[in-house]
Amino acid sequence: MQRVWFNKTFSSVGTAIKLIREADGAGRYHVICSNTNAHAAAFLAAHEYAVEPAGLLGEAYLDWCLAFCRERGVTIFWPGKEAGLVASNSARFEAQGTRVLSVASAEVLALMHDKARFCAGLDLPLAPPAQFRVVENIAEYDAAYAELRPLHRKLCIKPSEGVYALGFAVLDEERSTTQLLLAGAAYQVNAAELRHGLAQLATFKPLLLMEYLDGYEYSADCVADHGQLVCAVPRKKPHAGGQGQLIDARTDILQACAQLARDYRLNGVFNIQFREGRNGLALLEINPRMSGGIGMACAAGPNLPYLALAGFDRGYAGLAVPAIRDGLRVGEAAVVVELP
């Protein structure tokens, strides 16, 4: 039996563990989950769980992970927290009997977390990124705004490093922040007020000022084997809430996913975000982790977390990949549970 450890990561890990256990009819995998939150909902899905010490980072956390693997007899480590550091030290884990399932090398993981650097070096004709400029002070912001605004109906801004949609906003040139607040306009900011605030700062963390893509967003959950795409399940997100998401296996998205997996030698489960704009499909970002919607993707057929784990464990040659139920509409329903 393989003892598989998921350390602290995003909340979707609970869904992933549940999917693995549902598919593991032979009982090959004993899943361990850890988190600094003693009441993490993901604990309910695991065979075994542990509370991580809070505040550990860098080498101190790496040492704790190595000790945890020894003490718990972990044979496969699927890292979330400090994934890059763990990837660069995979030999130390292997020396004590633990294989590390990394999405990419430490260098590629660092590149993907820096959206400006990643997009600047991207060569993806099928879905090129939106036009953007990197700004770190008000002079750069003004120059970028003067260049981009005449070319695009709307602009948006987001941090070069960040997760989810934290820090993202569409620039509104008509309504004040108060009017936007009262209108319930999420992810929007008054352009003049934003500029005024940035002008008060000598410098700020790198921001991307870019064209706003106003078409449909697509989220593709993928599995790859060291650069070879095994499966990709794209989900089309409606503009209005309450309609679920539509499985849409577009050829261009699948081809783009295959190229990105190959170019960056991606491995295991990852997520790629696209959005349509005036010039067609554009890449938003690659998330080197499972997405929050991984369960919806798996409802379309392939059990992606199990496929990635089993493929990593014993190779993909003997694994069957179910056909994708293209056109399926999927959604999530909240369930009340008692927490640990």
C-alpha atoms as a PDB file:
ATOM      1  CA  MET A   1       0.000   0.000   0.000  1.00  0.00           C
ATOM      2  CA  GLN A   2       1.218   3.475  -0.896  1.00  0.00           C
ATOM      3  CA  ARG A   3       1.027   6.101   1.830  1.00  0.00           C
ATOM      4  CA  VAL A   4       0.201   9.381   0.049  1.00  0.00           C
ATOM      5  CA  TRP A   5       0.593  12.737   1.773  1.00  0.00           C
ATOM      6  CA  PHE A   6      -1.084  16.023   0.843  1.00  0.00           C
ATOM      7  CA  ASN A   7       0.354  18.838   2.956  1.00  0.00           C
ATOM      8  CA  LYS A   8      -1.235  22.239   3.456  1.00  0.00           C
ATOM      9  CA  THR A   9      -2.772  23.486   0.219  1.00  0.00           C
ATOM     10  CA  PHE A  10      -6.002  24.895  -1.199  1.00  0.00           C
ATOM     11  CA  SER A  11      -9.411  23.648  -0.070  1.00  0.00           C
ATOM     12  CA  SER A  12      -9.972  21.661  -3.296  1.00  0.00           C
ATOM     13  CA  VAL A  13      -7.685  18.984  -1.841  1.00  0.00           C
ATOM     14  CA  GLY A  14     -10.667  17.559   0.062  1.00  0.00           C
ATOM     15  CA  THR A  15     -12.512  16.927  -3.204  1.00  0.00           C
ATOM     16  CA  ALA A  16      -9.367  15.414  -4.731  1.00  0.00           C
ATOM     17  CA  ILE A  17      -8.881  12.999  -1.829  1.00  0.00           C
ATOM     18  CA  LYS A  18     -12.519  11.949  -2.007  1.00  0.00           C
ATOM     19  CA  LEU A  19     -12.200  11.284  -5.751  1.00  0.00           C
ATOM     20  CA  ILE A  20      -9.048   9.226  -5.231  1.00  0.00           C
ATOM     21  CA  ARG A  21     -10.675   7.085  -2.584  1.00  0.00           C
ATOM     22  CA  GLU A  22     -13.796   6.554  -4.707  1.00  0.00           C
ATOM     23  CA  ALA A  23     -11.678   5.244  -7.592  1.00  0.00           C
ATOM     24  CA  ASP A  24      -9.286   3.197  -5.457  1.00  0.00           C
ATOM     25  CA  GLY A  25     -11.331   0.015  -5.290  1.00  0.00           C
ATOM     26  CA  ALA A  26      -8.229  -2.084  -4.624  1.00  0.00           C
ATOM     27  CA  GLY A  27      -7.285  -0.023  -1.568  1.00  0.00           C
ATOM     28  CA  ARG A  28      -3.838   0.754  -2.935  1.00  0.00           C
ATOM     29  CA  TYR A  29      -3.646   4.264  -1.471  1.00  0.00           C
ATOM     30  CA  HIS A  30      -3.722   5.355   2.167  1.00  0.00           C
ATOM     31  CA  VAL A  31      -4.176   9.133   2.074  1.00  0.00           C
ATOM     32  CA  ILE A  32      -2.794  11.501   4.706  1.00  0.00           C
ATOM     33  CA  CYS A  33      -3.811  15.155   4.838  1.00  0.00           C
ATOM     34  CA  SER A  34      -2.235  17.905   6.936  1.00  0.00           C
ATOM     35  CA  ASN A  35      -3.025  21.559   7.525  1.00  0.00           C
ATOM     36  CA  THR A  36      -2.284  24.260  10.068  1.00  0.00           C
ATOM     37  CA  ASN A  37      -6.045  24.545  10.547  1.00  0.00           C
ATOM     38  CA  ALA A  38      -7.071  21.926  13.102  1.00  0.00           C
ATOM     39  CA  HIS A  39     -10.622  21.986  11.725  1.00  0.00           C
ATOM     40  CA  ALA A  40      -9.836  21.709   7.995  1.00  0.00           C
ATOM     41  CA  ALA A  41     -12.765  20.156   6.123  1.00  0.00           C
ATOM     42  CA  ALA A  42     -10.348  18.139   3.962  1.00  0.00           C
ATOM     43  CA  PHE A  43      -9.491  16.027   7.024  1.00  0.00           C
ATOM     44  CA  LEU A  44     -12.888  14.369   6.679  1.00  0.00           C
ATOM     45  CA  ALA A  45     -11.922  12.867   3.323  1.00  0.00           C
ATOM     46  CA  ALA A  46      -8.549  11.421   4.372  1.00  0.00           C
ATOM     47  CA  HIS A  47      -7.683   8.120   6.038  1.00  0.00           C
ATOM     48  CA  GLU A  48      -5.392   9.986   8.403  1.00  0.00           C
ATOM     49  CA  TYR A  49      -4.734  13.627   9.198  1.00  0.00           C
ATOM     50  CA  ALA A  50      -2.297  15.798  11.121  1.00  0.00           C
ATOM     51  CA  VAL A  51      -2.078  19.417  12.249  1.00  0.00           C
ATOM     52  CA  GLU A  52       0.979  21.219  10.916  1.00  0.00           C
ATOM     53  CA  PRO A  53       2.913  23.682  13.086  1.00  0.00           C
ATOM     54  CA  ALA A  54       2.003  27.237  12.182  1.00  0.00           C
ATOM     55  CA  GLY A  55       4.548  29.755  10.957  1.00  0.00           C
ATOM     56  CA  LEU A  56       7.098  27.391   9.412  1.00  0.00           C
ATOM     57  CA  LEU A  57       8.533  28.560   6.085  1.00  0.00           C
ATOM     58  CA  GLY A  58      11.476  27.811   3.852  1.00  0.00           C
ATOM     59  CA  GLU A  59      14.179  25.466   5.126  1.00  0.00           C
ATOM     60  CA  ALA A  60      12.479  25.057   8.497  1.00  0.00           C
ATOM     61  CA  TYR A  61       9.326  23.809   6.794  1.00  0.00           C
ATOM     62  CA  LEU A  62      11.347  21.581   4.458  1.00  0.00           C
ATOM     63  CA  ASP A  63      13.044  19.926   7.452  1.00  0.00           C
ATOM     64  CA  TRP A  64       9.638  19.400   9.051  1.00  0.00           C
ATOM     65  CA  CYS A  65       8.344  17.778   5.845  1.00  0.00           C
ATOM     66  CA  LEU A  66      11.319  15.429   5.665  1.00  0.00           C
ATOM     67  CA  ALA A  67      10.772  14.402   9.285  1.00  0.00           C
ATOM     68  CA  PHE A  68       7.021  13.972   8.723  1.00  0.00           C
ATOM     69  CA  CYS A  69       7.666  11.638   5.779  1.00  0.00           C
ATOM     70  CA  ARG A  70      10.031   9.526   7.850  1.00  0.00           C
ATOM     71  CA  GLU A  71       7.763   9.343  10.866  1.00  0.00           C
ATOM     72  CA  ARG A  72       4.578   8.594   8.895  1.00  0.00           C
ATOM     73  CA  GLY A  73       6.147   6.264   6.340  1.00  0.00           C
ATOM     74  CA  VAL A  74       5.082   8.474   3.409  1.00  0.00           C
ATOM     75  CA  THR A  75       5.911   6.892   0.049  1.00  0.00           C
ATOM     76  CA  ILE A  76       4.356   9.559  -2.228  1.00  0.00           C
ATOM     77  CA  PHE A  77       4.353  13.254  -1.347  1.00  0.00           C
ATOM     78  CA  TRP A  78       2.008  15.536  -3.352  1.00  0.00           C
ATOM     79  CA  PRO A  79       3.115  18.991  -2.136  1.00  0.00           C
ATOM     80  CA  GLY A  80       1.105  22.191  -1.942  1.00  0.00           C
ATOM     81  CA  LYS A  81       2.817  24.566   0.478  1.00  0.00           C
ATOM     82  CA  GLU A  82       6.456  25.277  -0.500  1.00  0.00           C
ATOM     83  CA  ALA A  83       6.003  23.143  -3.638  1.00  0.00           C
ATOM     84  CA  GLY A  84       8.967  24.753  -5.382  1.00  0.00           C
ATOM     85  CA  LEU A  85      11.319  24.174  -2.467  1.00  0.00           C
ATOM     86  CA  VAL A  86      10.139  20.580  -2.138  1.00  0.00           C
ATOM     87  CA  ALA A  87      10.608  20.007  -5.888  1.00  0.00           C
ATOM     88  CA  SER A  88      14.180  21.291  -5.775  1.00  0.00           C
ATOM     89  CA  ASN A  89      14.908  18.920  -2.872  1.00  0.00           C
ATOM     90  CA  SER A  90      13.131  15.850  -4.255  1.00  0.00           C
ATOM     91  CA  ALA A  91      16.374  13.821  -4.092  1.00  0.00           C
ATOM     92  CA  ARG A  92      16.460  14.247  -0.311  1.00  0.00           C
ATOM     93  CA  PHE A  93      12.951  12.818  -0.062  1.00  0.00           C
ATOM     94  CA  GLU A  94      13.733   9.974  -2.455  1.00  0.00           C
ATOM     95  CA  ALA A  95      16.806   9.083  -0.403  1.00  0.00           C
ATOM     96  CA  GLN A  96      14.524   8.233   2.510  1.00  0.00           C
ATOM     97  CA  GLY A  97      11.907   6.404   0.424  1.00  0.00           C
ATOM     98  CA  THR A  98       9.477   9.207  -0.543  1.00  0.00           C
ATOM     99  CA  ARG A  99       8.756  10.087  -4.174  1.00  0.00           C
ATOM    100  CA  VAL A 100       7.636  13.674  -4.839  1.00  0.00           C
ATOM    101  CA  LEU A 101       4.802  14.324  -7.303  1.00  0.00           C
ATOM    102  CA  SER A 102       5.702  17.797  -8.568  1.00  0.00           C
ATOM    103  CA  VAL A 103       3.779  19.693 -11.232  1.00  0.00           C
ATOM    104  CA  ALA A 104       6.999  21.230 -12.577  1.00  0.00           C
ATOM    105  CA  SER A 105      10.568  22.063 -11.698  1.00  0.00           C
ATOM    106  CA  ALA A 106      11.224  24.690  -9.049  1.00  0.00           C
ATOM    107  CA  GLU A 107      12.323  27.127 -11.766  1.00  0.00           C
ATOM    108  CA  VAL A 108       9.106  26.679 -13.777  1.00  0.00           C
ATOM    109  CA  LEU A 109       6.955  26.972 -10.657  1.00  0.00           C
ATOM    110  CA  ALA A 110       8.636  30.281  -9.809  1.00  0.00           C
ATOM    111  CA  LEU A 111       8.097  31.471 -13.385  1.00  0.00           C
ATOM    112  CA  MET A 112       4.376  30.655 -13.300  1.00  0.00           C
ATOM    113  CA  HIS A 113       3.881  32.573 -10.081  1.00  0.00           C
ATOM    114  CA  ASP A 114       5.373  35.672 -11.757  1.00  0.00           C
ATOM    115  CA  LYS A 115       2.702  36.478 -14.357  1.00  0.00           C
ATOM    116  CA  ALA A 116       4.677  39.309 -15.934  1.00  0.00           C
ATOM    117  CA  ARG A 117       7.780  37.215 -16.559  1.00  0.00           C
ATOM    118  CA  PHE A 118       5.731  34.201 -17.632  1.00  0.00           C
ATOM    119  CA  CYS A 119       3.636  36.100 -20.183  1.00  0.00           C
ATOM    120  CA  ALA A 120       6.663  37.979 -21.519  1.00  0.00           C
ATOM    121  CA  GLY A 121       8.347  34.712 -22.507  1.00  0.00           C
ATOM    122  CA  LEU A 122       5.239  32.938 -23.771  1.00  0.00           C
ATOM    123  CA  ASP A 123       4.990  31.640 -27.351  1.00  0.00           C
ATOM    124  CA  LEU A 124       1.417  30.402 -27.779  1.00  0.00           C
ATOM    125  CA  PRO A 125      -0.090  31.407 -31.148  1.00  0.00           C
ATOM    126  CA  LEU A 126      -3.322  29.523 -30.413  1.00  0.00           C
ATOM    127  CA  ALA A 127      -4.058  31.675 -27.359  1.00  0.00           C
ATOM    128  CA  PRO A 128      -1.610  34.579 -26.884  1.00  0.00           C
ATOM    129  CA  PRO A 129      -1.955  36.541 -23.634  1.00  0.00           C
ATOM    130  CA  ALA A 130      -3.772  39.867 -23.529  1.00  0.00           C
ATOM    131  CA  GLN A 131      -1.673  42.922 -24.341  1.00  0.00           C
ATOM    132  CA  PHE A 132      -0.099  44.194 -21.116  1.00  0.00           C
ATOM    133  CA  ARG A 133       2.552  46.384 -19.560  1.00  0.00           C
ATOM    134  CA  VAL A 134       4.316  45.930 -16.218  1.00  0.00           C
ATOM    135  CA  VAL A 135       4.224  49.007 -13.963  1.00  0.00           C
ATOM    136  CA  GLU A 136       5.946  49.690 -10.646  1.00  0.00           C
ATOM    137  CA  ASN A 137       5.595  53.464 -10.292  1.00  0.00           C
ATOM    138  CA  ILE A 138       3.244  56.213 -11.395  1.00  0.00           C
ATOM    139  CA  ALA A 139       5.408  57.269 -14.365  1.00  0.00           C
ATOM    140  CA  GLU A 140       5.321  53.732 -15.757  1.00  0.00           C
ATOM    141  CA  TYR A 141       1.593  53.526 -15.078  1.00  0.00           C
ATOM    142  CA  ASP A 142       0.872  56.782 -16.929  1.00  0.00           C
ATOM    143  CA  ALA A 143       3.000  55.722 -19.895  1.00  0.00           C
ATOM    144  CA  ALA A 144       1.333  52.321 -20.080  1.00  0.00           C
ATOM    145  CA  TYR A 145      -2.144  53.824 -19.776  1.00  0.00           C
ATOM    146  CA  ALA A 146      -1.415  56.354 -22.527  1.00  0.00           C
ATOM    147  CA  GLU A 147      -0.215  53.539 -24.784  1.00  0.00           C
ATOM    148  CA  LEU A 148      -2.912  50.947 -24.131  1.00  0.00           C
ATOM    149  CA  ARG A 149      -6.069  52.974 -23.593  1.00  0.00           C
ATOM    150  CA  PRO A 150      -6.434  54.171 -27.220  1.00  0.00           C
ATOM    151  CA  LEU A 151      -6.165  50.549 -28.369  1.00  0.00           C
ATOM    152  CA  HIS A 152      -8.752  48.939 -26.093  1.00  0.00           C
ATOM    153  CA  ARG A 153     -12.270  49.746 -24.971  1.00  0.00           C
ATOM    154  CA  LYS A 154     -11.486  48.740 -21.378  1.00  0.00           C
ATOM    155  CA  LEU A 155      -8.371  48.125 -19.326  1.00  0.00           C
ATOM    156  CA  CYS A 156      -7.880  46.102 -16.164  1.00  0.00           C
ATOM    157  CA  ILE A 157      -5.167  45.720 -13.569  1.00  0.00           C
ATOM    158  CA  LYS A 158      -3.874  42.847 -11.448  1.00  0.00           C
ATOM    159  CA  PRO A 159      -0.795  42.005  -9.392  1.00  0.00           C
ATOM    160  CA  SER A 160       2.008  40.143 -11.128  1.00  0.00           C
ATOM    161  CA  GLU A 161       1.968  37.634  -8.284  1.00  0.00           C
ATOM    162  CA  GLY A 162      -1.291  36.462  -6.718  1.00  0.00           C
ATOM    163  CA  VAL A 163      -3.913  33.739  -6.544  1.00  0.00           C
ATOM    164  CA  TYR A 164      -7.587  33.600  -7.370  1.00  0.00           C
ATOM    165  CA  ALA A 165      -8.783  37.076  -8.424  1.00  0.00           C
ATOM    166  CA  LEU A 166      -7.184  38.897  -5.502  1.00  0.00           C
ATOM    167  CA  GLY A 167      -6.161  42.375  -6.604  1.00  0.00           C
ATOM    168  CA  PHE A 168      -7.841  42.152 -10.007  1.00  0.00           C
ATOM    169  CA  ALA A 169     -10.040  45.059 -11.079  1.00  0.00           C
ATOM    170  CA  VAL A 170     -11.537  46.486 -14.260  1.00  0.00           C
ATOM    171  CA  LEU A 171     -10.939  50.217 -14.645  1.00  0.00           C
ATOM    172  CA  ASP A 172     -14.205  52.166 -14.762  1.00  0.00           C
ATOM    173  CA  GLU A 173     -13.855  55.686 -16.135  1.00  0.00           C
ATOM    174  CA  GLU A 174     -17.400  56.840 -15.383  1.00  0.00           C
ATOM    175  CA  ARG A 175     -18.526  55.686 -11.942  1.00  0.00           C
ATOM    176  CA  SER A 176     -16.894  56.640  -8.664  1.00  0.00           C
ATOM    177  CA  THR A 177     -15.808  54.031  -6.136  1.00  0.00           C
ATOM    178  CA  THR A 178     -18.893  54.874  -4.069  1.00  0.00           C
ATOM    179  CA  GLN A 179     -21.168  54.379  -7.066  1.00  0.00           C
ATOM    180  CA  LEU A 180     -19.469  51.074  -7.860  1.00  0.00           C
ATOM    181  CA  LEU A 181     -19.884  49.971  -4.254  1.00  0.00           C
ATOM    182  CA  LEU A 182     -23.565  50.871  -4.167  1.00  0.00           C
ATOM    183  CA  ALA A 183     -24.127  49.140  -7.502  1.00  0.00           C
ATOM    184  CA  GLY A 184     -22.521  45.958  -6.166  1.00  0.00           C
ATOM    185  CA  ALA A 185     -19.996  46.037  -9.008  1.00  0.00           C
ATOM    186  CA  ALA A 186     -17.390  43.466  -7.977  1.00  0.00           C
ATOM    187  CA  TYR A 187     -13.815  43.628  -9.250  1.00  0.00           C
ATOM    188  CA  GLN A 188     -14.137  47.183 -10.555  1.00  0.00           C
ATOM    189  CA  VAL A 189     -12.379  50.397  -9.535  1.00  0.00           C
ATOM    190  CA  ASN A 190     -12.652  54.015 -10.619  1.00  0.00           C
ATOM    191  CA  ALA A 191      -9.727  54.721 -12.942  1.00  0.00           C
ATOM    192  CA  ALA A 192      -9.022  58.260 -11.694  1.00  0.00           C
ATOM    193  CA  GLU A 193      -9.155  57.223  -8.028  1.00  0.00           C
ATOM    194  CA  LEU A 194      -6.835  54.299  -8.689  1.00  0.00           C
ATOM    195  CA  ARG A 195      -4.321  56.581 -10.394  1.00  0.00           C
ATOM    196  CA  HIS A 196      -4.530  59.083  -7.519  1.00  0.00           C
ATOM    197  CA  GLY A 197      -3.813  56.333  -5.004  1.00  0.00           C
ATOM    198  CA  LEU A 198      -0.876  54.949  -6.974  1.00  0.00           C
ATOM    199  CA  ALA A 199       0.570  58.449  -7.339  1.00  0.00           C
ATOM    200  CA  GLN A 200       0.875  58.684  -3.548  1.00  0.00           C
ATOM    201  CA  LEU A 201       3.343  55.783  -3.569  1.00  0.00           C
ATOM    202  CA  ALA A 202       6.965  56.103  -4.600  1.00  0.00           C
ATOM    203  CA  THR A 203       6.931  52.539  -5.900  1.00  0.00           C
ATOM    204  CA  PHE A 204       4.631  49.533  -5.570  1.00  0.00           C
ATOM    205  CA  LYS A 205       4.732  45.820  -6.204  1.00  0.00           C
ATOM    206  CA  PRO A 206       4.657  44.978  -9.932  1.00  0.00           C
ATOM    207  CA  LEU A 207       1.206  45.349 -11.481  1.00  0.00           C
ATOM    208  CA  LEU A 208      -0.009  44.346 -14.918  1.00  0.00           C
ATOM    209  CA  LEU A 209      -2.015  46.998 -16.744  1.00  0.00           C
ATOM    210  CA  MET A 210      -3.697  45.141 -19.576  1.00  0.00           C
ATOM    211  CA  GLU A 211      -6.545  44.967 -22.023  1.00  0.00           C
ATOM    212  CA  TYR A 212      -9.738  43.629 -20.497  1.00  0.00           C
ATOM    213  CA  LEU A 213     -11.040  40.456 -22.126  1.00  0.00           C
ATOM    214  CA  ASP A 214     -14.823  40.549 -21.954  1.00  0.00           C
ATOM    215  CA  GLY A 215     -15.674  37.173 -23.509  1.00  0.00           C
ATOM    216  CA  TYR A 216     -16.266  33.766 -21.946  1.00  0.00           C
ATOM    217  CA  GLU A 217     -13.757  32.342 -19.492  1.00  0.00           C
ATOM    218  CA  TYR A 218     -12.554  28.753 -19.776  1.00  0.00           C
ATOM    219  CA  SER A 219     -10.909  26.713 -17.048  1.00  0.00           C
ATOM    220  CA  ALA A 220      -9.118  23.559 -18.206  1.00  0.00           C
ATOM    221  CA  ASP A 221      -8.192  20.952 -15.618  1.00  0.00           C
ATOM    222  CA  CYS A 222      -5.350  18.824 -16.941  1.00  0.00           C
ATOM    223  CA  VAL A 223      -3.208  15.779 -16.247  1.00  0.00           C
ATOM    224  CA  ALA A 224       0.203  15.353 -17.861  1.00  0.00           C
ATOM    225  CA  ASP A 225       3.109  12.964 -17.645  1.00  0.00           C
ATOM    226  CA  HIS A 226       6.328  14.996 -17.667  1.00  0.00           C
ATOM    227  CA  GLY A 227       5.287  17.116 -20.635  1.00  0.00           C
ATOM    228  CA  GLN A 228       2.910  14.705 -22.358  1.00  0.00           C
ATOM    229  CA  LEU A 229      -0.726  15.754 -21.958  1.00  0.00           C
ATOM    230  CA  VAL A 230      -2.809  12.773 -20.829  1.00  0.00           C
ATOM    231  CA  CYS A 231      -6.173  14.466 -20.444  1.00  0.00           C
ATOM    232  CA  ALA A 232      -7.704  17.949 -20.354  1.00  0.00           C
ATOM    233  CA  VAL A 233     -11.267  18.876 -19.386  1.00  0.00           C
ATOM    234  CA  PRO A 234     -12.197  22.490 -20.277  1.00  0.00           C
ATOM    235  CA  ARG A 235     -15.113  24.171 -18.475  1.00  0.00           C
ATOM    236  CA  LYS A 236     -16.894  27.196 -19.972  1.00  0.00           C
ATOM    237  CA  LYS A 237     -18.067  29.679 -17.341  1.00  0.00           C
ATOM    238  CA  PRO A 238     -21.311  31.589 -18.024  1.00  0.00           C
ATOM    239  CA  HIS A 239     -21.480  35.357 -17.555  1.00  0.00           C
ATOM    240  CA  ALA A 240     -24.437  35.032 -15.168  1.00  0.00           C
ATOM    241  CA  GLY A 241     -24.382  33.057 -11.931  1.00  0.00           C
ATOM    242  CA  GLY A 242     -26.568  30.097 -11.072  1.00  0.00           C
ATOM    243  CA  GLN A 243     -26.185  28.380 -14.447  1.00  0.00           C
ATOM    244  CA  GLY A 244     -23.388  25.992 -13.600  1.00  0.00           C
ATOM    245  CA  GLN A 245     -20.564  25.466 -16.078  1.00  0.00           C
ATOM    246  CA  LEU A 246     -20.472  23.762 -19.460  1.00  0.00           C
ATOM    247  CA  ILE A 247     -17.939  21.102 -20.431  1.00  0.00           C
ATOM    248  CA  ASP A 248     -16.600  22.389 -23.742  1.00  0.00           C
ATOM    249  CA  ALA A 249     -13.764  20.341 -25.255  1.00  0.00           C
ATOM    250  CA  ARG A 250     -12.742  22.967 -27.814  1.00  0.00           C
ATOM    251  CA  THR A 251     -10.002  21.773 -30.136  1.00  0.00           C
ATOM    252  CA  ASP A 252      -7.976  24.982 -29.822  1.00  0.00           C
ATOM    253  CA  ILE A 253      -8.047  24.809 -26.019  1.00  0.00           C
ATOM    254  CA  LEU A 254      -6.984  21.161 -26.009  1.00  0.00           C
ATOM    255  CA  GLN A 255      -4.156  21.916 -28.437  1.00  0.00           C
ATOM    256  CA  ALA A 256      -3.028  24.899 -26.348  1.00  0.00           C
ATOM    257  CA  CYS A 257      -3.033  22.741 -23.202  1.00  0.00           C
ATOM    258  CA  ALA A 258      -0.927  20.113 -24.976  1.00  0.00           C
ATOM    259  CA  GLN A 259       1.615  22.718 -26.108  1.00  0.00           C
ATOM    260  CA  LEU A 260       1.892  24.301 -22.656  1.00  0.00           C
ATOM    261  CA  ALA A 261       2.311  20.905 -21.001  1.00  0.00           C
ATOM    262  CA  ARG A 262       5.059  20.091 -23.494  1.00  0.00           C
ATOM    263  CA  ASP A 263       6.833  23.466 -23.362  1.00  0.00           C
ATOM    264  CA  TYR A 264       6.999  23.561 -19.553  1.00  0.00           C
ATOM    265  CA  ARG A 265       7.232  19.795 -18.940  1.00  0.00           C
ATOM    266  CA  LEU A 266       4.175  19.860 -16.712  1.00  0.00           C
ATOM    267  CA  ASN A 267       3.285  16.833 -14.647  1.00  0.00           C
ATOM    268  CA  GLY A 268       0.404  15.615 -12.484  1.00  0.00           C
ATOM    269  CA  VAL A 269      -2.685  17.821 -12.124  1.00  0.00           C
ATOM    270  CA  PHE A 270      -2.710  21.506 -13.067  1.00  0.00           C
ATOM    271  CA  ASN A 271      -5.194  24.099 -14.299  1.00  0.00           C
ATOM    272  CA  ILE A 272      -5.018  26.477 -17.266  1.00  0.00           C
ATOM    273  CA  GLN A 273      -7.211  29.565 -17.541  1.00  0.00           C
ATOM    274  CA  PHE A 274      -8.273  31.102 -20.860  1.00  0.00           C
ATOM    275  CA  ARG A 275     -10.608  33.910 -21.842  1.00  0.00           C
ATOM    276  CA  GLU A 276     -12.005  35.191 -25.114  1.00  0.00           C
ATOM    277  CA  GLY A 277     -11.463  38.767 -26.201  1.00  0.00           C
ATOM    278  CA  ARG A 278     -11.726  40.894 -29.301  1.00  0.00           C
ATOM    279  CA  ASN A 279      -8.953  38.898 -30.991  1.00  0.00           C
ATOM    280  CA  GLY A 280     -10.165  35.458 -29.937  1.00  0.00           C
ATOM    281  CA  LEU A 281      -8.890  33.065 -27.303  1.00  0.00           C
ATOM    282  CA  ALA A 282      -6.221  34.310 -24.882  1.00  0.00           C
ATOM    283  CA  LEU A 283      -4.269  32.622 -22.118  1.00  0.00           C
ATOM    284  CA  LEU A 284      -4.759  34.067 -18.636  1.00  0.00           C
ATOM    285  CA  GLU A 285      -2.473  31.858 -16.557  1.00  0.00           C
ATOM    286  CA  ILE A 286      -1.354  28.375 -15.600  1.00  0.00           C
ATOM    287  CA  ASN A 287      -2.150  27.349 -12.030  1.00  0.00           C
ATOM    288  CA  PRO A 288       0.345  24.638 -11.015  1.00  0.00           C
ATOM    289  CA  ARG A 289      -2.205  22.996  -8.738  1.00  0.00           C
ATOM    290  CA  MET A 290      -5.696  21.564  -8.678  1.00  0.00           C
ATOM    291  CA  SER A 291      -8.420  24.127  -9.284  1.00  0.00           C
ATOM    292  CA  GLY A 292     -11.385  24.810  -7.052  1.00  0.00           C
ATOM    293  CA  GLY A 293     -13.585  23.302  -9.766  1.00  0.00           C
ATOM    294  CA  ILE A 294     -11.721  19.985 -10.046  1.00  0.00           C
ATOM    295  CA  GLY A 295     -14.839  18.074  -8.973  1.00  0.00           C
ATOM    296  CA  MET A 296     -16.913  19.584 -11.777  1.00  0.00           C
ATOM    297  CA  ALA A 297     -14.287  18.587 -14.338  1.00  0.00           C
ATOM    298  CA  CYS A 298     -14.249  15.011 -13.045  1.00  0.00           C
ATOM    299  CA  ALA A 299     -18.035  14.779 -13.344  1.00  0.00           C
ATOM    300  CA  ALA A 300     -17.432  14.794 -17.104  1.00  0.00           C
ATOM    301  CA  GLY A 301     -15.734  11.374 -16.967  1.00  0.00           C
ATOM    302  CA  PRO A 302     -11.999  11.272 -16.154  1.00  0.00           C
ATOM    303  CA  ASN A 303     -11.097  11.115 -12.459  1.00  0.00           C
ATOM    304  CA  LEU A 304      -8.147  13.475 -12.777  1.00  0.00           C
ATOM    305  CA  PRO A 305      -6.588  13.242  -9.272  1.00  0.00           C
ATOM    306  CA  TYR A 306      -6.723   9.431  -9.303  1.00  0.00           C
ATOM    307  CA  LEU A 307      -5.420   9.303 -12.870  1.00  0.00           C
ATOM    308  CA  ALA A 308      -2.456  11.516 -11.938  1.00  0.00           C
ATOM    309  CA  LEU A 309      -1.679   9.548  -8.772  1.00  0.00           C
ATOM    310  CA  ALA A 310      -1.990   6.114 -10.364  1.00  0.00           C
ATOM    311  CA  GLY A 311       0.001   7.226 -13.400  1.00  0.00           C
ATOM    312  CA  PHE A 312       2.771   8.613 -11.218  1.00  0.00           C
ATOM    313  CA  ASP A 313       2.721   5.477  -9.071  1.00  0.00           C
ATOM    314  CA  ARG A 314       2.809   2.761 -11.720  1.00  0.00           C
ATOM    315  CA  GLY A 315       2.840   4.439 -15.142  1.00  0.00           C
ATOM    316  CA  TYR A 316       0.101   5.576 -17.499  1.00  0.00           C
ATOM    317  CA  ALA A 317       0.414   2.745 -20.040  1.00  0.00           C
ATOM    318  CA  GLY A 318      -2.165   0.523 -18.384  1.00  0.00           C
ATOM    319  CA  LEU A 319      -4.597   3.251 -17.331  1.00  0.00           C
ATOM    320  CA  ALA A 320      -7.841   3.825 -19.199  1.00  0.00           C
ATOM    321  CA  VAL A 321      -8.886   7.459 -19.663  1.00  0.00           C
ATOM    322  CA  PRO A 322     -12.693   7.732 -19.928  1.00  0.00           C
ATOM    323  CA  ALA A 323     -14.126   9.798 -22.758  1.00  0.00           C
ATOM    324  CA  ILE A 324     -15.105  13.362 -21.864  1.00  0.00           C
ATOM    325  CA  ARG A 325     -18.849  14.010 -21.802  1.00  0.00           C
ATOM    326  CA  ASP A 326     -18.662  17.098 -23.980  1.00  0.00           C
ATOM    327  CA  GLY A 327     -21.596  19.477 -23.556  1.00  0.00           C
ATOM    328  CA  LEU A 328     -22.371  18.333 -20.007  1.00  0.00           C
ATOM    329  CA  ARG A 329     -23.602  21.095 -17.696  1.00  0.00           C
ATOM    330  CA  VAL A 330     -22.135  20.783 -14.208  1.00  0.00           C
ATOM    331  CA  GLY A 331     -22.444  22.588 -10.892  1.00  0.00           C
ATOM    332  CA  GLU A 332     -21.643  22.287  -7.207  1.00  0.00           C
ATOM    333  CA  ALA A 333     -24.031  22.029  -4.270  1.00  0.00           C
ATOM    334  CA  ALA A 334     -23.031  22.906  -0.703  1.00  0.00           C
ATOM    335  CA  VAL A 335     -23.214  20.141   1.891  1.00  0.00           C
ATOM    336  CA  VAL A 336     -23.230  20.714   5.629  1.00  0.00           C
ATOM    337  CA  VAL A 337     -20.755  18.578   7.595  1.00  0.00           C
ATOM    338  CA  GLU A 338     -19.495  18.307  11.161  1.00  0.00           C
ATOM    339  CA  LEU A 339     -15.847  19.397  11.269  1.00  0.00           C
ATOM    340  CA  PRO A 340     -13.084  17.675  13.260  1.00  0.00           C
END
